[in-house]
């Protein structure tokens, strides 16, 4: 989100053309989540979350991209793949 004073979220529009974009940040406020979603981020995770959640999100986004699908929105999600609430262990895995 903050790349040495630069706007990291501004890169999402360009990056999403060739890759799924997972925002990893310590700025987990509602406005930042909403902006990331609006710009096309595939997911959003905060740095304080367990590494397992990060890895699970990467795998989920990769599987969806391989199948040519967009990431589903979850209830209360502010981004398409939102790992802000349930832990990766409690989320269903993709086939």
N, C-alpha and C. Protein backbone atom coordinates (compact mmCIF):
# COMPACT_ATOMS: atom_id res chain seq x y z
N UNK A 1 0.83 -1.19 0.00
CA UNK A 1 0.00 0.00 0.00
C UNK A 1 0.87 1.25 0.00
N UNK A 2 1.86 1.27 0.86
CA UNK A 2 2.77 2.41 0.92
C UNK A 2 4.16 1.93 0.52
N UNK A 3 4.55 2.21 -0.70
CA UNK A 3 5.86 1.79 -1.21
C UNK A 3 6.82 2.96 -1.16
N UNK A 4 7.45 3.12 -0.01
CA UNK A 4 8.41 4.22 0.20
C UNK A 4 7.81 5.56 -0.22
N UNK A 5 6.59 5.80 0.22
CA UNK A 5 5.92 7.06 -0.09
C UNK A 5 5.11 7.03 -1.37
N UNK A 6 5.23 5.99 -2.16
CA UNK A 6 4.46 5.84 -3.40
C UNK A 6 3.16 5.10 -3.11
N UNK A 7 2.19 5.25 -3.99
CA UNK A 7 0.88 4.60 -3.84
C UNK A 7 0.93 3.20 -4.45
N UNK A 8 1.13 2.20 -3.61
CA UNK A 8 1.21 0.81 -4.08
C UNK A 8 -0.09 0.31 -4.69
N UNK A 9 -1.22 0.78 -4.19
CA UNK A 9 -2.50 0.31 -4.74
C UNK A 9 -2.70 0.78 -6.18
N UNK A 10 -2.07 1.86 -6.55
CA UNK A 10 -2.19 2.35 -7.92
C UNK A 10 -1.63 1.35 -8.93
N UNK A 11 -0.80 0.44 -8.48
CA UNK A 11 -0.22 -0.57 -9.37
C UNK A 11 -1.19 -1.71 -9.70
N UNK A 12 -2.24 -1.87 -8.92
CA UNK A 12 -3.16 -3.00 -9.08
C UNK A 12 -3.73 -3.06 -10.49
N UNK A 13 -4.18 -1.94 -11.00
CA UNK A 13 -4.81 -1.93 -12.34
C UNK A 13 -3.91 -2.52 -13.41
N UNK A 14 -2.64 -2.21 -13.35
CA UNK A 14 -1.70 -2.73 -14.35
C UNK A 14 -1.34 -4.19 -14.07
N UNK A 15 -1.11 -4.52 -12.80
CA UNK A 15 -0.70 -5.88 -12.44
C UNK A 15 -1.79 -6.91 -12.71
N UNK A 16 -3.04 -6.54 -12.50
CA UNK A 16 -4.13 -7.51 -12.65
C UNK A 16 -4.33 -7.98 -14.09
N UNK A 17 -3.71 -7.29 -15.03
CA UNK A 17 -3.81 -7.70 -16.43
C UNK A 17 -3.13 -9.04 -16.68
N UNK A 18 -2.11 -9.35 -15.88
CA UNK A 18 -1.35 -10.57 -16.12
C UNK A 18 -1.25 -11.48 -14.90
N UNK A 19 -1.79 -11.05 -13.77
CA UNK A 19 -1.66 -11.86 -12.55
C UNK A 19 -2.79 -11.56 -11.58
N UNK A 20 -3.05 -12.50 -10.70
CA UNK A 20 -3.95 -12.23 -9.60
C UNK A 20 -3.20 -11.37 -8.60
N UNK A 21 -3.84 -10.37 -8.05
CA UNK A 21 -3.17 -9.45 -7.13
C UNK A 21 -3.69 -9.67 -5.72
N UNK A 22 -2.79 -10.05 -4.84
CA UNK A 22 -3.09 -10.21 -3.43
C UNK A 22 -2.40 -9.09 -2.68
N UNK A 23 -3.17 -8.24 -2.03
CA UNK A 23 -2.61 -7.13 -1.28
C UNK A 23 -2.22 -7.63 0.10
N UNK A 24 -0.96 -7.48 0.45
CA UNK A 24 -0.43 -7.85 1.76
C UNK A 24 0.03 -6.55 2.41
N UNK A 25 -0.61 -6.17 3.51
CA UNK A 25 -0.35 -4.86 4.08
C UNK A 25 -0.59 -4.83 5.59
N UNK A 26 -0.08 -3.81 6.22
CA UNK A 26 -0.40 -3.55 7.62
C UNK A 26 -1.48 -2.49 7.71
N UNK A 27 -1.92 -1.98 6.55
CA UNK A 27 -2.98 -0.96 6.48
C UNK A 27 -4.32 -1.63 6.18
N UNK A 28 -4.93 -2.25 7.19
CA UNK A 28 -6.15 -3.01 6.95
C UNK A 28 -7.44 -2.25 7.19
N UNK A 29 -7.39 -0.94 7.10
CA UNK A 29 -8.60 -0.16 7.35
C UNK A 29 -9.62 -0.35 6.22
N UNK A 30 -10.85 -0.01 6.51
CA UNK A 30 -11.97 -0.19 5.57
C UNK A 30 -11.74 0.54 4.26
N UNK A 31 -11.24 1.75 4.31
CA UNK A 31 -11.03 2.54 3.09
C UNK A 31 -9.98 1.89 2.20
N UNK A 32 -8.92 1.37 2.78
CA UNK A 32 -7.86 0.73 1.99
C UNK A 32 -8.38 -0.55 1.35
N UNK A 33 -9.15 -1.35 2.12
CA UNK A 33 -9.74 -2.57 1.57
C UNK A 33 -10.68 -2.24 0.41
N UNK A 34 -11.52 -1.24 0.59
CA UNK A 34 -12.48 -0.86 -0.45
C UNK A 34 -11.76 -0.38 -1.71
N UNK A 35 -10.71 0.40 -1.54
CA UNK A 35 -9.97 0.89 -2.70
C UNK A 35 -9.28 -0.26 -3.43
N UNK A 36 -8.70 -1.18 -2.68
CA UNK A 36 -8.04 -2.34 -3.31
C UNK A 36 -9.05 -3.14 -4.12
N UNK A 37 -10.24 -3.36 -3.57
CA UNK A 37 -11.29 -4.09 -4.28
C UNK A 37 -11.71 -3.33 -5.55
N UNK A 38 -11.90 -2.03 -5.40
CA UNK A 38 -12.32 -1.20 -6.54
C UNK A 38 -11.30 -1.24 -7.67
N UNK A 39 -10.04 -1.30 -7.32
CA UNK A 39 -8.98 -1.32 -8.33
C UNK A 39 -8.75 -2.70 -8.92
N UNK A 40 -9.39 -3.73 -8.35
CA UNK A 40 -9.33 -5.06 -8.95
C UNK A 40 -8.46 -6.08 -8.24
N UNK A 41 -8.11 -5.84 -6.99
CA UNK A 41 -7.31 -6.82 -6.24
C UNK A 41 -8.11 -8.12 -6.11
N UNK A 42 -7.43 -9.24 -6.24
CA UNK A 42 -8.07 -10.55 -6.08
C UNK A 42 -8.23 -10.91 -4.62
N UNK A 43 -7.43 -10.32 -3.76
CA UNK A 43 -7.51 -10.61 -2.34
C UNK A 43 -6.80 -9.57 -1.52
N UNK A 44 -6.99 -9.66 -0.21
CA UNK A 44 -6.44 -8.69 0.73
C UNK A 44 -6.15 -9.41 2.03
N UNK A 45 -4.96 -9.27 2.54
CA UNK A 45 -4.60 -9.89 3.80
C UNK A 45 -3.69 -8.93 4.58
N UNK A 46 -3.86 -8.94 5.89
CA UNK A 46 -3.03 -8.10 6.74
C UNK A 46 -1.82 -8.88 7.23
N UNK A 47 -0.72 -8.17 7.42
CA UNK A 47 0.55 -8.81 7.78
C UNK A 47 0.51 -9.54 9.12
N UNK A 48 -0.37 -9.15 10.02
CA UNK A 48 -0.41 -9.81 11.33
C UNK A 48 -1.13 -11.16 11.30
N UNK A 49 -1.76 -11.48 10.19
CA UNK A 49 -2.47 -12.75 10.08
C UNK A 49 -1.47 -13.90 9.95
N UNK A 50 -1.89 -15.10 10.33
CA UNK A 50 -0.99 -16.25 10.26
C UNK A 50 -0.50 -16.52 8.83
N UNK A 51 0.72 -17.03 8.74
CA UNK A 51 1.31 -17.35 7.43
C UNK A 51 0.44 -18.33 6.67
N UNK A 52 -0.24 -19.23 7.38
CA UNK A 52 -1.12 -20.20 6.73
C UNK A 52 -2.23 -19.50 5.95
N UNK A 53 -2.74 -18.38 6.47
CA UNK A 53 -3.76 -17.63 5.76
C UNK A 53 -3.21 -17.03 4.47
N UNK A 54 -1.99 -16.52 4.53
CA UNK A 54 -1.35 -15.97 3.34
C UNK A 54 -1.16 -17.05 2.28
N UNK A 55 -0.61 -18.18 2.69
CA UNK A 55 -0.39 -19.27 1.74
C UNK A 55 -1.69 -19.77 1.14
N UNK A 56 -2.71 -19.90 1.96
CA UNK A 56 -4.02 -20.35 1.48
C UNK A 56 -4.60 -19.38 0.45
N UNK A 57 -4.44 -18.09 0.71
CA UNK A 57 -4.94 -17.08 -0.22
C UNK A 57 -4.22 -17.15 -1.56
N UNK A 58 -2.91 -17.34 -1.51
CA UNK A 58 -2.13 -17.46 -2.74
C UNK A 58 -2.60 -18.67 -3.55
N UNK A 59 -2.78 -19.79 -2.88
CA UNK A 59 -3.25 -21.01 -3.56
C UNK A 59 -4.65 -20.80 -4.13
N UNK A 60 -5.55 -20.21 -3.34
CA UNK A 60 -6.93 -19.98 -3.80
C UNK A 60 -6.95 -19.11 -5.06
N UNK A 61 -6.21 -18.03 -5.05
CA UNK A 61 -6.18 -17.13 -6.20
C UNK A 61 -5.55 -17.83 -7.41
N UNK A 62 -4.50 -18.61 -7.17
CA UNK A 62 -3.87 -19.36 -8.26
C UNK A 62 -4.82 -20.36 -8.89
N UNK A 63 -5.55 -21.10 -8.06
CA UNK A 63 -6.51 -22.07 -8.59
C UNK A 63 -7.60 -21.38 -9.41
N UNK A 64 -8.10 -20.28 -8.91
CA UNK A 64 -9.15 -19.56 -9.63
C UNK A 64 -8.64 -19.04 -10.97
N UNK A 65 -7.42 -18.52 -10.99
CA UNK A 65 -6.85 -18.00 -12.24
C UNK A 65 -6.61 -19.12 -13.24
N UNK A 66 -6.17 -20.29 -12.76
CA UNK A 66 -5.93 -21.41 -13.66
C UNK A 66 -7.23 -21.87 -14.31
N UNK A 67 -8.34 -21.75 -13.57
CA UNK A 67 -9.63 -22.15 -14.12
C UNK A 67 -10.31 -21.00 -14.85
N UNK A 68 -9.67 -19.83 -14.88
CA UNK A 68 -10.23 -18.69 -15.58
C UNK A 68 -11.40 -18.05 -14.88
N UNK A 69 -11.50 -18.25 -13.57
CA UNK A 69 -12.62 -17.70 -12.81
C UNK A 69 -12.18 -16.48 -12.03
N UNK A 70 -13.15 -15.65 -11.71
CA UNK A 70 -12.90 -14.54 -10.80
C UNK A 70 -13.07 -15.05 -9.39
N UNK A 71 -12.39 -14.42 -8.45
CA UNK A 71 -12.50 -14.82 -7.06
C UNK A 71 -13.89 -14.50 -6.54
N UNK A 72 -14.51 -15.44 -5.82
CA UNK A 72 -15.85 -15.19 -5.30
C UNK A 72 -15.80 -14.23 -4.14
N UNK A 73 -16.84 -13.46 -3.98
CA UNK A 73 -16.93 -12.59 -2.82
C UNK A 73 -17.49 -13.39 -1.66
N UNK A 74 -16.96 -13.16 -0.50
CA UNK A 74 -17.47 -13.82 0.69
C UNK A 74 -18.30 -12.85 1.48
N UNK A 75 -19.19 -13.35 2.32
CA UNK A 75 -20.06 -12.48 3.12
C UNK A 75 -19.22 -11.52 3.94
N UNK A 76 -19.53 -10.25 3.85
CA UNK A 76 -18.81 -9.25 4.61
C UNK A 76 -17.44 -8.92 4.05
N UNK A 77 -17.15 -9.43 2.88
CA UNK A 77 -15.82 -9.24 2.30
C UNK A 77 -15.69 -7.85 1.70
N UNK A 78 -14.52 -7.30 1.84
CA UNK A 78 -14.26 -6.03 1.19
C UNK A 78 -13.36 -6.21 -0.02
N UNK A 79 -12.95 -7.42 -0.26
CA UNK A 79 -12.22 -7.74 -1.47
C UNK A 79 -12.68 -9.10 -1.95
N UNK A 80 -12.29 -9.48 -3.13
CA UNK A 80 -12.86 -10.69 -3.70
C UNK A 80 -12.49 -11.93 -2.92
N UNK A 81 -11.26 -12.08 -2.53
CA UNK A 81 -10.87 -13.17 -1.64
C UNK A 81 -10.41 -12.47 -0.38
N UNK A 82 -11.24 -12.48 0.63
CA UNK A 82 -10.95 -11.74 1.84
C UNK A 82 -10.63 -12.70 2.96
N UNK A 83 -9.44 -12.63 3.49
CA UNK A 83 -9.06 -13.55 4.55
C UNK A 83 -8.99 -12.82 5.89
N UNK A 84 -9.74 -11.76 6.00
CA UNK A 84 -9.71 -10.97 7.22
C UNK A 84 -10.45 -11.59 8.38
N UNK A 85 -11.35 -12.51 8.16
CA UNK A 85 -12.11 -13.06 9.26
C UNK A 85 -11.81 -14.53 9.53
N UNK A 86 -12.37 -15.47 8.79
CA UNK A 86 -12.11 -16.86 9.16
C UNK A 86 -10.68 -17.27 8.86
N UNK A 87 -10.15 -18.16 9.66
CA UNK A 87 -8.80 -18.63 9.39
C UNK A 87 -8.82 -19.57 8.19
N UNK A 88 -7.68 -19.76 7.61
CA UNK A 88 -7.57 -20.64 6.44
C UNK A 88 -8.04 -22.04 6.76
N UNK A 89 -7.83 -22.49 7.99
CA UNK A 89 -8.22 -23.83 8.38
C UNK A 89 -9.72 -24.00 8.37
N UNK A 90 -10.47 -22.92 8.59
CA UNK A 90 -11.92 -23.03 8.63
C UNK A 90 -12.58 -22.79 7.29
N UNK A 91 -11.81 -22.32 6.28
CA UNK A 91 -12.36 -22.08 4.96
C UNK A 91 -12.31 -23.35 4.15
N UNK A 92 -13.33 -23.58 3.32
CA UNK A 92 -13.27 -24.76 2.46
C UNK A 92 -12.17 -24.63 1.44
N UNK A 93 -11.51 -25.72 1.13
CA UNK A 93 -10.45 -25.67 0.13
C UNK A 93 -11.02 -25.88 -1.25
N UNK A 94 -10.29 -25.43 -2.24
CA UNK A 94 -10.72 -25.60 -3.63
C UNK A 94 -10.32 -27.00 -4.08
N UNK A 95 -11.09 -27.56 -5.02
CA UNK A 95 -10.74 -28.91 -5.52
C UNK A 95 -9.43 -28.90 -6.27
